Amino acid sequence: MSCNSYRPNYFRLFLYAAAFVVAHMMKHKLFNGTAIENFTMDIFIKRIMLSAVYIVEKKTSIHVSFSPHHRHLEELTVDLERLTAYAPDNTIS
C-alpha cells in the first residue's frame, strides 16, 4: 500500500531494491555453478526463496529443513553446506 507522502514510499522502494540486490548476489555467489544460478530472479524467488522450510533455532546453530520432495533439494543442500564454510566456527547448520 502506498502512502501519500514521499518519504515512506521512497523508503519502501529502497528496502525493495536492497532485498533484490541481496537475493541477486545470493543467487550468483551461493549457487555459483548450479542450474539455480541461471534462473531468472522471478523463478529464483518463486522456487527457492518462497519454499516452505522448517527452521529450528538453537543456542549455537540454526537448522533449516526443506521438504524431502523439493525439486532442488540436492543443490540447496550442497549450497547451504557451502554457506556454513563462511560462517565463523560453523555456527550455521
PDB file of N, CA and C in Angstrom:
ATOM      1  N   MET A   1       0.851  -1.165   0.000  1.00  0.00           N
ATOM      2  CA  MET A   1       0.000   0.000   0.000  1.00  0.00           C
ATOM      3  C   MET A   1       0.901   1.233   0.000  1.00  0.00           C
ATOM      4  N   SER A   2       0.567   2.155  -0.820  1.00  0.00           N
ATOM      5  CA  SER A   2       1.388   3.349  -0.886  1.00  0.00           C
ATOM      6  C   SER A   2       0.835   4.429   0.035  1.00  0.00           C
ATOM      7  N   CYS A   3       1.714   5.321   0.409  1.00  0.00           N
ATOM      8  CA  CYS A   3       1.341   6.454   1.262  1.00  0.00           C
ATOM      9  C   CYS A   3       1.234   7.701   0.384  1.00  0.00           C
ATOM     10  N   ASN A   4       0.658   8.724   0.937  1.00  0.00           N
ATOM     11  CA  ASN A   4       0.530   9.975   0.206  1.00  0.00           C
ATOM     12  C   ASN A   4       1.799  10.814   0.261  1.00  0.00           C
ATOM     13  N   SER A   5       2.689  10.499   1.191  1.00  0.00           N
ATOM     14  CA  SER A   5       3.900  11.306   1.309  1.00  0.00           C
ATOM     15  C   SER A   5       5.085  10.608   0.634  1.00  0.00           C
ATOM     16  N   TYR A   6       6.086  11.385   0.358  1.00  0.00           N
ATOM     17  CA  TYR A   6       7.234  10.941  -0.419  1.00  0.00           C
ATOM     18  C   TYR A   6       8.140   9.989   0.361  1.00  0.00           C
ATOM     19  N   ARG A   7       8.481  10.338   1.589  1.00  0.00           N
ATOM     20  CA  ARG A   7       9.479   9.571   2.348  1.00  0.00           C
ATOM     21  C   ARG A   7       9.111   8.109   2.581  1.00  0.00           C
ATOM     22  N   PRO A   8       7.907   7.795   3.032  1.00  0.00           N
ATOM     23  CA  PRO A   8       7.595   6.365   3.213  1.00  0.00           C
ATOM     24  C   PRO A   8       7.671   5.570   1.908  1.00  0.00           C
ATOM     25  N   ASN A   9       7.220   6.152   0.816  1.00  0.00           N
ATOM     26  CA  ASN A   9       7.299   5.468  -0.476  1.00  0.00           C
ATOM     27  C   ASN A   9       8.753   5.292  -0.921  1.00  0.00           C
ATOM     28  N   TYR A  10       9.550   6.315  -0.723  1.00  0.00           N
ATOM     29  CA  TYR A  10      10.965   6.246  -1.071  1.00  0.00           C
ATOM     30  C   TYR A  10      11.657   5.173  -0.239  1.00  0.00           C
ATOM     31  N   PHE A  11      11.375   5.138   1.064  1.00  0.00           N
ATOM     32  CA  PHE A  11      11.996   4.158   1.945  1.00  0.00           C
ATOM     33  C   PHE A  11      11.553   2.740   1.564  1.00  0.00           C
ATOM     34  N   ARG A  12      10.296   2.548   1.238  1.00  0.00           N
ATOM     35  CA  ARG A  12       9.793   1.233   0.807  1.00  0.00           C
ATOM     36  C   ARG A  12      10.497   0.789  -0.470  1.00  0.00           C
ATOM     37  N   LEU A  13      10.678   1.696  -1.414  1.00  0.00           N
ATOM     38  CA  LEU A  13      11.383   1.383  -2.646  1.00  0.00           C
ATOM     39  C   LEU A  13      12.845   1.039  -2.356  1.00  0.00           C
ATOM     40  N   PHE A  14      13.470   1.766  -1.430  1.00  0.00           N
ATOM     41  CA  PHE A  14      14.852   1.480  -1.037  1.00  0.00           C
ATOM     42  C   PHE A  14      14.964   0.075  -0.444  1.00  0.00           C
ATOM     43  N   LEU A  15      14.040  -0.305   0.449  1.00  0.00           N
ATOM     44  CA  LEU A  15      14.072  -1.643   1.046  1.00  0.00           C
ATOM     45  C   LEU A  15      13.870  -2.727  -0.010  1.00  0.00           C
ATOM     46  N   TYR A  16      12.962  -2.504  -0.943  1.00  0.00           N
ATOM     47  CA  TYR A  16      12.729  -3.467  -2.012  1.00  0.00           C
ATOM     48  C   TYR A  16      13.992  -3.639  -2.858  1.00  0.00           C
ATOM     49  N   ALA A  17      14.636  -2.518  -3.209  1.00  0.00           N
ATOM     50  CA  ALA A  17      15.854  -2.577  -4.022  1.00  0.00           C
ATOM     51  C   ALA A  17      16.979  -3.281  -3.271  1.00  0.00           C
ATOM     52  N   ALA A  18      17.112  -3.012  -1.978  1.00  0.00           N
ATOM     53  CA  ALA A  18      18.154  -3.669  -1.185  1.00  0.00           C
ATOM     54  C   ALA A  18      17.906  -5.175  -1.103  1.00  0.00           C
ATOM     55  N   ALA A  19      16.655  -5.585  -0.913  1.00  0.00           N
ATOM     56  CA  ALA A  19      16.334  -7.012  -0.864  1.00  0.00           C
ATOM     57  C   ALA A  19      16.602  -7.675  -2.207  1.00  0.00           C
ATOM     58  N   PHE A  20      16.311  -6.987  -3.295  1.00  0.00           N
ATOM     59  CA  PHE A  20      16.568  -7.528  -4.618  1.00  0.00           C
ATOM     60  C   PHE A  20      18.060  -7.723  -4.843  1.00  0.00           C
ATOM     61  N   VAL A  21      18.868  -6.754  -4.424  1.00  0.00           N
ATOM     62  CA  VAL A  21      20.318  -6.857  -4.594  1.00  0.00           C
ATOM     63  C   VAL A  21      20.866  -8.025  -3.765  1.00  0.00           C
ATOM     64  N   VAL A  22      20.383  -8.190  -2.542  1.00  0.00           N
ATOM     65  CA  VAL A  22      20.834  -9.305  -1.699  1.00  0.00           C
ATOM     66  C   VAL A  22      20.455 -10.640  -2.334  1.00  0.00           C
ATOM     67  N   ALA A  23      19.231 -10.758  -2.833  1.00  0.00           N
ATOM     68  CA  ALA A  23      18.797 -12.001  -3.478  1.00  0.00           C
ATOM     69  C   ALA A  23      19.608 -12.267  -4.745  1.00  0.00           C
ATOM     70  N   HIS A  24      19.889 -11.231  -5.519  1.00  0.00           N
ATOM     71  CA  HIS A  24      20.671 -11.382  -6.741  1.00  0.00           C
ATOM     72  C   HIS A  24      22.093 -11.839  -6.423  1.00  0.00           C
ATOM     73  N   MET A  25      22.717 -11.223  -5.431  1.00  0.00           N
ATOM     74  CA  MET A  25      24.073 -11.631  -5.040  1.00  0.00           C
ATOM     75  C   MET A  25      24.080 -13.055  -4.500  1.00  0.00           C
ATOM     76  N   MET A  26      23.069 -13.412  -3.729  1.00  0.00           N
ATOM     77  CA  MET A  26      23.000 -14.763  -3.188  1.00  0.00           C
ATOM     78  C   MET A  26      22.845 -15.767  -4.326  1.00  0.00           C
ATOM     79  N   LYS A  27      22.028 -15.437  -5.313  1.00  0.00           N
ATOM     80  CA  LYS A  27      21.817 -16.340  -6.446  1.00  0.00           C
ATOM     81  C   LYS A  27      23.117 -16.590  -7.187  1.00  0.00           C
ATOM     82  N   HIS A  28      23.929 -15.575  -7.378  1.00  0.00           N
ATOM     83  CA  HIS A  28      25.154 -15.724  -8.151  1.00  0.00           C
ATOM     84  C   HIS A  28      26.352 -16.181  -7.324  1.00  0.00           C
ATOM     85  N   LYS A  29      26.407 -15.866  -6.070  1.00  0.00           N
ATOM     86  CA  LYS A  29      27.548 -16.272  -5.239  1.00  0.00           C
ATOM     87  C   LYS A  29      27.331 -17.638  -4.600  1.00  0.00           C
ATOM     88  N   LEU A  30      26.178 -17.835  -3.989  1.00  0.00           N
ATOM     89  CA  LEU A  30      25.922 -19.074  -3.261  1.00  0.00           C
ATOM     90  C   LEU A  30      25.627 -20.232  -4.199  1.00  0.00           C
ATOM     91  N   PHE A  31      24.919 -19.968  -5.284  1.00  0.00           N
ATOM     92  CA  PHE A  31      24.532 -21.031  -6.208  1.00  0.00           C
ATOM     93  C   PHE A  31      25.387 -21.014  -7.473  1.00  0.00           C
ATOM     94  N   ASN A  32      26.619 -20.574  -7.351  1.00  0.00           N
ATOM     95  CA  ASN A  32      27.543 -20.497  -8.473  1.00  0.00           C
ATOM     96  C   ASN A  32      27.809 -21.899  -9.028  1.00  0.00           C
ATOM     97  N   GLY A  33      27.651 -22.066 -10.335  1.00  0.00           N
ATOM     98  CA  GLY A  33      27.930 -23.336 -10.976  1.00  0.00           C
ATOM     99  C   GLY A  33      26.791 -24.338 -10.934  1.00  0.00           C
ATOM    100  N   THR A  34      25.612 -23.924 -10.496  1.00  0.00           N
ATOM    101  CA  THR A  34      24.456 -24.819 -10.456  1.00  0.00           C
ATOM    102  C   THR A  34      23.396 -24.309 -11.430  1.00  0.00           C
ATOM    103  N   ALA A  35      22.380 -25.112 -11.635  1.00  0.00           N
ATOM    104  CA  ALA A  35      21.286 -24.696 -12.516  1.00  0.00           C
ATOM    105  C   ALA A  35      20.522 -23.515 -11.929  1.00  0.00           C
ATOM    106  N   ILE A  36      20.537 -23.391 -10.611  1.00  0.00           N
ATOM    107  CA  ILE A  36      19.821 -22.302  -9.947  1.00  0.00           C
ATOM    108  C   ILE A  36      20.404 -20.946 -10.330  1.00  0.00           C
ATOM    109  N   GLU A  37      21.698 -20.897 -10.591  1.00  0.00           N
ATOM    110  CA  GLU A  37      22.333 -19.636 -10.957  1.00  0.00           C
ATOM    111  C   GLU A  37      21.744 -19.072 -12.254  1.00  0.00           C
ATOM    112  N   ASN A  38      21.267 -19.926 -13.131  1.00  0.00           N
ATOM    113  CA  ASN A  38      20.730 -19.478 -14.418  1.00  0.00           C
ATOM    114  C   ASN A  38      19.248 -19.119 -14.369  1.00  0.00           C
ATOM    115  N   PHE A  39      18.610 -19.263 -13.215  1.00  0.00           N
ATOM    116  CA  PHE A  39      17.204 -18.886 -13.081  1.00  0.00           C
ATOM    117  C   PHE A  39      17.057 -17.380 -13.241  1.00  0.00           C
ATOM    118  N   THR A  40      15.898 -16.955 -13.737  1.00  0.00           N
ATOM    119  CA  THR A  40      15.588 -15.536 -13.684  1.00  0.00           C
ATOM    120  C   THR A  40      15.279 -15.196 -12.219  1.00  0.00           C
ATOM    121  N   MET A  41      15.297 -13.936 -11.885  1.00  0.00           N
ATOM    122  CA  MET A  41      15.031 -13.560 -10.495  1.00  0.00           C
ATOM    123  C   MET A  41      13.616 -13.940 -10.089  1.00  0.00           C
ATOM    124  N   ASP A  42      12.659 -13.856 -11.008  1.00  0.00           N
ATOM    125  CA  ASP A  42      11.286 -14.233 -10.699  1.00  0.00           C
ATOM    126  C   ASP A  42      11.195 -15.718 -10.357  1.00  0.00           C
ATOM    127  N   ILE A  43      11.810 -16.562 -11.167  1.00  0.00           N
ATOM    128  CA  ILE A  43      11.795 -18.002 -10.896  1.00  0.00           C
ATOM    129  C   ILE A  43      12.576 -18.315  -9.624  1.00  0.00           C
ATOM    130  N   PHE A  44      13.715 -17.637  -9.404  1.00  0.00           N
ATOM    131  CA  PHE A  44      14.517 -17.852  -8.196  1.00  0.00           C
ATOM    132  C   PHE A  44      13.701 -17.547  -6.950  1.00  0.00           C
ATOM    133  N   ILE A  45      12.992 -16.447  -6.965  1.00  0.00           N
ATOM    134  CA  ILE A  45      12.186 -16.068  -5.803  1.00  0.00           C
ATOM    135  C   ILE A  45      11.050 -17.062  -5.592  1.00  0.00           C
ATOM    136  N   LYS A  46      10.378 -17.468  -6.662  1.00  0.00           N
ATOM    137  CA  LYS A  46       9.245 -18.382  -6.528  1.00  0.00           C
ATOM    138  C   LYS A  46       9.666 -19.785  -6.118  1.00  0.00           C
ATOM    139  N   ARG A  47      10.751 -20.312  -6.689  1.00  0.00           N
ATOM    140  CA  ARG A  47      11.135 -21.701  -6.421  1.00  0.00           C
ATOM    141  C   ARG A  47      12.023 -21.872  -5.200  1.00  0.00           C
ATOM    142  N   ILE A  48      12.853 -20.882  -4.905  1.00  0.00           N
ATOM    143  CA  ILE A  48      13.821 -21.037  -3.814  1.00  0.00           C
ATOM    144  C   ILE A  48      13.438 -20.188  -2.601  1.00  0.00           C
ATOM    145  N   MET A  49      13.264 -18.896  -2.794  1.00  0.00           N
ATOM    146  CA  MET A  49      13.028 -18.001  -1.669  1.00  0.00           C
ATOM    147  C   MET A  49      11.665 -18.231  -1.015  1.00  0.00           C
ATOM    148  N   LEU A  50      10.666 -18.639  -1.789  1.00  0.00           N
ATOM    149  CA  LEU A  50       9.330 -18.855  -1.236  1.00  0.00           C
ATOM    150  C   LEU A  50       9.065 -20.317  -0.901  1.00  0.00           C
ATOM    151  N   SER A  51      10.117 -21.120  -0.793  1.00  0.00           N
ATOM    152  CA  SER A  51       9.962 -22.526  -0.442  1.00  0.00           C
ATOM    153  C   SER A  51       9.555 -22.651   1.018  1.00  0.00           C
ATOM    154  N   ALA A  52       8.717 -23.628   1.275  1.00  0.00           N
ATOM    155  CA  ALA A  52       8.339 -23.896   2.657  1.00  0.00           C
ATOM    156  C   ALA A  52       9.502 -24.610   3.350  1.00  0.00           C
ATOM    157  N   VAL A  53       9.923 -24.081   4.462  1.00  0.00           N
ATOM    158  CA  VAL A  53      11.017 -24.681   5.225  1.00  0.00           C
ATOM    159  C   VAL A  53      10.621 -24.767   6.687  1.00  0.00           C
ATOM    160  N   TYR A  54      11.282 -25.660   7.385  1.00  0.00           N
ATOM    161  CA  TYR A  54      11.118 -25.785   8.824  1.00  0.00           C
ATOM    162  C   TYR A  54      12.437 -25.345   9.431  1.00  0.00           C
ATOM    163  N   ILE A  55      12.404 -24.322  10.271  1.00  0.00           N
ATOM    164  CA  ILE A  55      13.618 -23.746  10.844  1.00  0.00           C
ATOM    165  C   ILE A  55      13.604 -23.964  12.344  1.00  0.00           C
ATOM    166  N   VAL A  56      14.698 -24.532  12.851  1.00  0.00           N
ATOM    167  CA  VAL A  56      14.884 -24.717  14.289  1.00  0.00           C
ATOM    168  C   VAL A  56      16.093 -23.899  14.684  1.00  0.00           C
ATOM    169  N   GLU A  57      15.863 -22.940  15.552  1.00  0.00           N
ATOM    170  CA  GLU A  57      16.944 -22.087  16.023  1.00  0.00           C
ATOM    171  C   GLU A  57      17.348 -22.544  17.416  1.00  0.00           C
ATOM    172  N   LYS A  58      18.606 -22.920  17.537  1.00  0.00           N
ATOM    173  CA  LYS A  58      19.142 -23.348  18.827  1.00  0.00           C
ATOM    174  C   LYS A  58      20.149 -22.321  19.303  1.00  0.00           C
ATOM    175  N   LYS A  59      20.702 -22.574  20.455  1.00  0.00           N
ATOM    176  CA  LYS A  59      21.632 -21.618  21.042  1.00  0.00           C
ATOM    177  C   LYS A  59      22.864 -21.408  20.157  1.00  0.00           C
ATOM    178  N   THR A  60      23.374 -22.465  19.554  1.00  0.00           N
ATOM    179  CA  THR A  60      24.611 -22.360  18.781  1.00  0.00           C
ATOM    180  C   THR A  60      24.452 -22.675  17.304  1.00  0.00           C
ATOM    181  N   SER A  61      23.236 -22.962  16.847  1.00  0.00           N
ATOM    182  CA  SER A  61      23.072 -23.308  15.436  1.00  0.00           C
ATOM    183  C   SER A  61      21.652 -23.017  14.964  1.00  0.00           C
ATOM    184  N   ILE A  62      21.506 -23.009  13.660  1.00  0.00           N
ATOM    185  CA  ILE A  62      20.207 -22.871  13.020  1.00  0.00           C
ATOM    186  C   ILE A  62      20.080 -24.046  12.057  1.00  0.00           C
ATOM    187  N   HIS A  63      19.012 -24.803  12.173  1.00  0.00           N
ATOM    188  CA  HIS A  63      18.795 -25.965  11.314  1.00  0.00           C
ATOM    189  C   HIS A  63      17.637 -25.653  10.367  1.00  0.00           C
ATOM    190  N   VAL A  64      17.907 -25.729   9.063  1.00  0.00           N
ATOM    191  CA  VAL A  64      16.908 -25.445   8.034  1.00  0.00           C
ATOM    192  C   VAL A  64      16.564 -26.755   7.344  1.00  0.00           C
ATOM    193  N   SER A  65      15.283 -27.136   7.354  1.00  0.00           N
ATOM    194  CA  SER A  65      14.847 -28.380   6.723  1.00  0.00           C
ATOM    195  C   SER A  65      13.883 -28.068   5.582  1.00  0.00           C
ATOM    196  N   PHE A  66      14.215 -28.561   4.405  1.00  0.00           N
ATOM    197  CA  PHE A  66      13.333 -28.451   3.254  1.00  0.00           C
ATOM    198  C   PHE A  66      12.530 -29.733   3.136  1.00  0.00           C
ATOM    199  N   SER A  67      11.471 -29.692   2.373  1.00  0.00           N
ATOM    200  CA  SER A  67      10.678 -30.883   2.100  1.00  0.00           C
ATOM    201  C   SER A  67      11.561 -31.904   1.388  1.00  0.00           C
ATOM    202  N   PRO A  68      11.435 -33.189   1.720  1.00  0.00           N
ATOM    203  CA  PRO A  68      12.247 -34.192   1.025  1.00  0.00           C
ATOM    204  C   PRO A  68      11.897 -34.309  -0.454  1.00  0.00           C
ATOM    205  N   HIS A  69      10.791 -33.722  -0.878  1.00  0.00           N
ATOM    206  CA  HIS A  69      10.371 -33.787  -2.271  1.00  0.00           C
ATOM    207  C   HIS A  69      10.644 -32.488  -3.027  1.00  0.00           C
ATOM    208  N   HIS A  70      11.402 -31.578  -2.426  1.00  0.00           N
ATOM    209  CA  HIS A  70      11.726 -30.304  -3.086  1.00  0.00           C
ATOM    210  C   HIS A  70      12.533 -30.602  -4.345  1.00  0.00           C
ATOM    211  N   ARG A  71      12.178 -29.962  -5.453  1.00  0.00           N
ATOM    212  CA  ARG A  71      12.830 -30.304  -6.722  1.00  0.00           C
ATOM    213  C   ARG A  71      14.290 -29.890  -6.792  1.00  0.00           C
ATOM    214  N   HIS A  72      14.744 -28.992  -5.928  1.00  0.00           N
ATOM    215  CA  HIS A  72      16.136 -28.540  -5.929  1.00  0.00           C
ATOM    216  C   HIS A  72      16.827 -28.879  -4.607  1.00  0.00           C
ATOM    217  N   LEU A  73      16.374 -29.925  -3.940  1.00  0.00           N
ATOM    218  CA  LEU A  73      16.886 -30.260  -2.605  1.00  0.00           C
ATOM    219  C   LEU A  73      18.384 -30.535  -2.619  1.00  0.00           C
ATOM    220  N   GLU A  74      18.862 -31.280  -3.597  1.00  0.00           N
ATOM    221  CA  GLU A  74      20.292 -31.620  -3.640  1.00  0.00           C
ATOM    222  C   GLU A  74      21.151 -30.373  -3.791  1.00  0.00           C
ATOM    223  N   GLU A  75      20.776 -29.483  -4.705  1.00  0.00           N
ATOM    224  CA  GLU A  75      21.536 -28.255  -4.904  1.00  0.00           C
ATOM    225  C   GLU A  75      21.473 -27.367  -3.662  1.00  0.00           C
ATOM    226  N   LEU A  76      20.303 -27.272  -3.043  1.00  0.00           N
ATOM    227  CA  LEU A  76      20.164 -26.453  -1.844  1.00  0.00           C
ATOM    228  C   LEU A  76      21.018 -27.002  -0.707  1.00  0.00           C
ATOM    229  N   THR A  77      21.048 -28.310  -0.558  1.00  0.00           N
ATOM    230  CA  THR A  77      21.850 -28.920   0.496  1.00  0.00           C
ATOM    231  C   THR A  77      23.326 -28.617   0.298  1.00  0.00           C
ATOM    232  N   VAL A  78      23.809 -28.799  -0.916  1.00  0.00           N
ATOM    233  CA  VAL A  78      25.221 -28.531  -1.205  1.00  0.00           C
ATOM    234  C   VAL A  78      25.548 -27.063  -0.978  1.00  0.00           C
ATOM    235  N   ASP A  79      24.684 -26.178  -1.446  1.00  0.00           N
ATOM    236  CA  ASP A  79      24.971 -24.752  -1.341  1.00  0.00           C
ATOM    237  C   ASP A  79      24.828 -24.222   0.078  1.00  0.00           C
ATOM    238  N   LEU A  80      23.908 -24.771   0.853  1.00  0.00           N
ATOM    239  CA  LEU A  80      23.834 -24.358   2.258  1.00  0.00           C
ATOM    240  C   LEU A  80      25.027 -24.876   3.049  1.00  0.00           C
ATOM    241  N   GLU A  81      25.541 -26.041   2.683  1.00  0.00           N
ATOM    242  CA  GLU A  81      26.778 -26.515   3.312  1.00  0.00           C
ATOM    243  C   GLU A  81      27.942 -25.615   2.930  1.00  0.00           C
ATOM    244  N   ARG A  82      27.936 -25.114   1.695  1.00  0.00           N
ATOM    245  CA  ARG A  82      28.971 -24.164   1.278  1.00  0.00           C
ATOM    246  C   ARG A  82      28.862 -22.879   2.088  1.00  0.00           C
ATOM    247  N   LEU A  83      27.635 -22.473   2.393  1.00  0.00           N
ATOM    248  CA  LEU A  83      27.422 -21.279   3.198  1.00  0.00           C
ATOM    249  C   LEU A  83      27.966 -21.452   4.612  1.00  0.00           C
ATOM    250  N   THR A  84      27.860 -22.659   5.154  1.00  0.00           N
ATOM    251  CA  THR A  84      28.377 -22.887   6.508  1.00  0.00           C
ATOM    252  C   THR A  84      29.886 -22.750   6.563  1.00  0.00           C
ATOM    253  N   ALA A  85      30.558 -22.948   5.432  1.00  0.00           N
ATOM    254  CA  ALA A  85      32.012 -22.777   5.406  1.00  0.00           C
ATOM    255  C   ALA A  85      32.399 -21.323   5.641  1.00  0.00           C
ATOM    256  N   TYR A  86      31.498 -20.387   5.298  1.00  0.00           N
ATOM    257  CA  TYR A  86      31.777 -18.962   5.501  1.00  0.00           C
ATOM    258  C   TYR A  86      31.472 -18.510   6.920  1.00  0.00           C
ATOM    259  N   ALA A  87      30.677 -19.279   7.650  1.00  0.00           N
ATOM    260  CA  ALA A  87      30.278 -18.890   8.999  1.00  0.00           C
ATOM    261  C   ALA A  87      31.428 -19.114   9.964  1.00  0.00           C
ATOM    262  N   PRO A  88      31.664 -18.190  10.884  1.00  0.00           N
ATOM    263  CA  PRO A  88      32.716 -18.395  11.869  1.00  0.00           C
ATOM    264  C   PRO A  88      32.364 -19.566  12.781  1.00  0.00           C
ATOM    265  N   ASP A  89      33.284 -20.486  12.931  1.00  0.00           N
ATOM    266  CA  ASP A  89      33.133 -21.663  13.786  1.00  0.00           C
ATOM    267  C   ASP A  89      31.950 -22.521  13.369  1.00  0.00           C
ATOM    268  N   ASN A  90      31.526 -22.430  12.099  1.00  0.00           N
ATOM    269  CA  ASN A  90      30.404 -23.231  11.581  1.00  0.00           C
ATOM    270  C   ASN A  90      29.178 -23.135  12.473  1.00  0.00           C
ATOM    271  N   THR A  91      28.756 -21.921  12.785  1.00  0.00           N
ATOM    272  CA  THR A  91      27.605 -21.712  13.652  1.00  0.00           C
ATOM    273  C   THR A  91      26.293 -21.909  12.925  1.00  0.00           C
ATOM    274  N   ILE A  92      26.318 -22.054  11.609  1.00  0.00           N
ATOM    275  CA  ILE A  92      25.103 -22.311  10.859  1.00  0.00           C
ATOM    276  C   ILE A  92      25.113 -23.772  10.439  1.00  0.00           C
ATOM    277  N   SER A  93      24.010 -24.474  10.689  1.00  0.00           N
ATOM    278  CA  SER A  93      23.954 -25.874  10.253  1.00  0.00           C
ATOM    279  C   SER A  93      22.586 -26.202   9.730  1.00  0.00           C
TER     280      SER A  93
END
